Amino acid sequence: MTRLVPLHEVAHARAGDKGNCSNVSIVVYDAGNYPAVKAQITAAKLKRSFPRLLKGEVQRYELDHLLCLNFVMDLALEGGVNESLNLDAHGKSWSFLILSLAVDLDDP
């Protein structure tokens, strides 16, 4: 049996930004949940989930020994912090957006 949970229940995030590029690392708390998160939280899923916000390429780097997925998202900050009219077009906003996605986990 499985259950759908928000990603923020099983992981935390760290983020940064430079220009119009955002970098977000998703770190899973429990090694038992990492394979499911790794399988479900992909670059393609981010592009599908946020098509109007992600204008460029999304690359995912896997750091399995840290239970971590690192996403580098180009053209993701509406021109960058200094160019955007958005009040909070920073990398940390991407952390909250990604952590709001749901993952399907096996019941314990």
Protein backbone atom coordinates (compact mmCIF):
# COMPACT_ATOMS: atom_id res chain seq x y z
CA MET A 1 0.00 0.00 0.00
CA THR A 2 1.21 3.54 -0.71
CA ARG A 3 0.41 7.02 0.51
CA LEU A 4 0.75 10.41 -1.13
CA VAL A 5 2.66 12.92 1.02
CA PRO A 6 4.02 16.40 0.45
CA LEU A 7 7.75 16.29 -0.22
CA HIS A 8 8.39 18.65 2.72
CA GLU A 9 7.35 15.86 5.10
CA VAL A 10 10.28 13.68 4.03
CA ALA A 11 12.90 16.20 2.89
CA HIS A 12 14.26 19.70 3.32
CA ALA A 13 15.84 22.06 0.81
CA ARG A 14 18.67 24.54 0.42
CA ALA A 15 18.72 27.04 -2.41
CA GLY A 16 20.67 29.78 -4.05
CA ASP A 17 20.45 32.02 -7.05
CA LYS A 18 22.76 33.86 -9.39
CA GLY A 19 21.36 36.04 -12.13
CA ASN A 20 18.50 34.17 -13.78
CA CYS A 21 19.60 30.74 -12.55
CA SER A 22 18.34 28.96 -9.43
CA ASN A 23 20.01 26.06 -7.67
CA VAL A 24 17.99 23.91 -5.25
CA SER A 25 19.12 20.87 -3.31
CA ILE A 26 16.49 18.50 -1.96
CA VAL A 27 17.84 16.44 0.95
CA VAL A 28 15.80 13.42 2.05
CA TYR A 29 15.75 12.70 5.80
CA ASP A 30 15.40 8.90 5.68
CA ALA A 31 17.38 6.63 3.35
CA GLY A 32 14.30 4.42 2.99
CA ASN A 33 12.42 7.24 1.22
CA TYR A 34 15.26 8.32 -1.05
CA PRO A 35 14.64 5.83 -3.91
CA ALA A 36 10.99 6.94 -4.23
CA VAL A 37 11.89 10.63 -4.15
CA LYS A 38 14.69 10.06 -6.65
CA ALA A 39 12.33 8.21 -9.01
CA GLN A 40 9.53 10.78 -8.78
CA ILE A 41 11.17 14.20 -8.42
CA THR A 42 12.82 14.60 -11.81
CA ALA A 43 13.82 17.50 -14.01
CA ALA A 44 10.92 16.61 -16.33
CA LYS A 45 8.47 16.67 -13.40
CA LEU A 46 9.63 20.16 -12.43
CA LYS A 47 9.19 21.37 -16.02
CA ARG A 48 5.68 19.84 -16.14
CA SER A 49 4.72 21.18 -12.71
CA PHE A 50 5.89 24.76 -13.30
CA PRO A 51 5.75 25.37 -17.07
CA ARG A 52 5.15 29.12 -16.85
CA LEU A 53 7.98 29.68 -14.37
CA LEU A 54 10.70 27.43 -15.81
CA LYS A 55 11.67 28.94 -19.14
CA GLY A 56 15.04 27.22 -19.54
CA GLU A 57 16.73 23.90 -19.03
CA VAL A 58 16.54 21.99 -15.76
CA GLN A 59 19.43 19.72 -14.86
CA ARG A 60 19.38 17.24 -11.98
CA TYR A 61 22.49 16.00 -10.21
CA GLU A 62 22.25 13.01 -7.89
CA LEU A 63 24.30 12.87 -4.72
CA ASP A 64 23.19 9.45 -3.52
CA HIS A 65 25.66 9.26 -0.63
CA LEU A 66 24.04 12.43 0.80
CA LEU A 67 20.44 11.39 -0.05
CA CYS A 68 20.35 14.57 -2.12
CA LEU A 69 19.09 15.75 -5.51
CA ASN A 70 20.47 19.04 -6.81
CA PHE A 71 18.50 20.93 -9.46
CA VAL A 72 20.00 23.71 -11.57
CA MET A 73 17.24 25.68 -13.28
CA ASP A 74 18.15 28.17 -16.00
CA LEU A 75 15.86 31.09 -16.86
CA ALA A 76 13.94 30.43 -13.65
CA LEU A 77 13.94 33.81 -11.91
CA GLU A 78 12.05 36.09 -14.32
CA GLY A 79 15.29 37.74 -15.43
CA GLY A 80 16.96 37.62 -12.05
CA VAL A 81 16.50 39.29 -8.69
CA ASN A 82 17.54 42.73 -9.93
CA GLU A 83 15.49 42.62 -13.14
CA SER A 84 12.23 41.08 -11.98
CA LEU A 85 9.12 42.95 -10.90
CA ASN A 86 8.30 39.94 -8.72
CA LEU A 87 8.81 40.76 -5.05
CA ASP A 88 10.45 37.44 -4.20
CA ALA A 89 12.06 35.94 -7.30
CA HIS A 90 14.83 34.30 -5.31
CA GLY A 91 16.09 30.73 -5.19
CA LYS A 92 14.48 30.18 -1.79
CA SER A 93 11.07 30.54 -3.41
CA TRP A 94 11.91 27.51 -5.55
CA SER A 95 12.60 25.49 -2.40
CA PHE A 96 9.05 26.04 -1.21
CA LEU A 97 7.55 25.29 -4.63
CA ILE A 98 9.46 22.02 -5.04
CA LEU A 99 8.81 20.92 -1.46
CA SER A 100 5.08 21.40 -2.10
CA LEU A 101 5.10 18.61 -4.70
CA ALA A 102 3.68 15.26 -3.60
CA VAL A 103 5.49 11.93 -3.61
CA ASP A 104 3.99 8.47 -3.44
CA LEU A 105 5.65 6.44 -0.66
CA ASP A 106 5.26 2.88 0.52
CA ASP A 107 3.49 2.55 3.85
CA PRO A 108 5.87 1.64 6.67
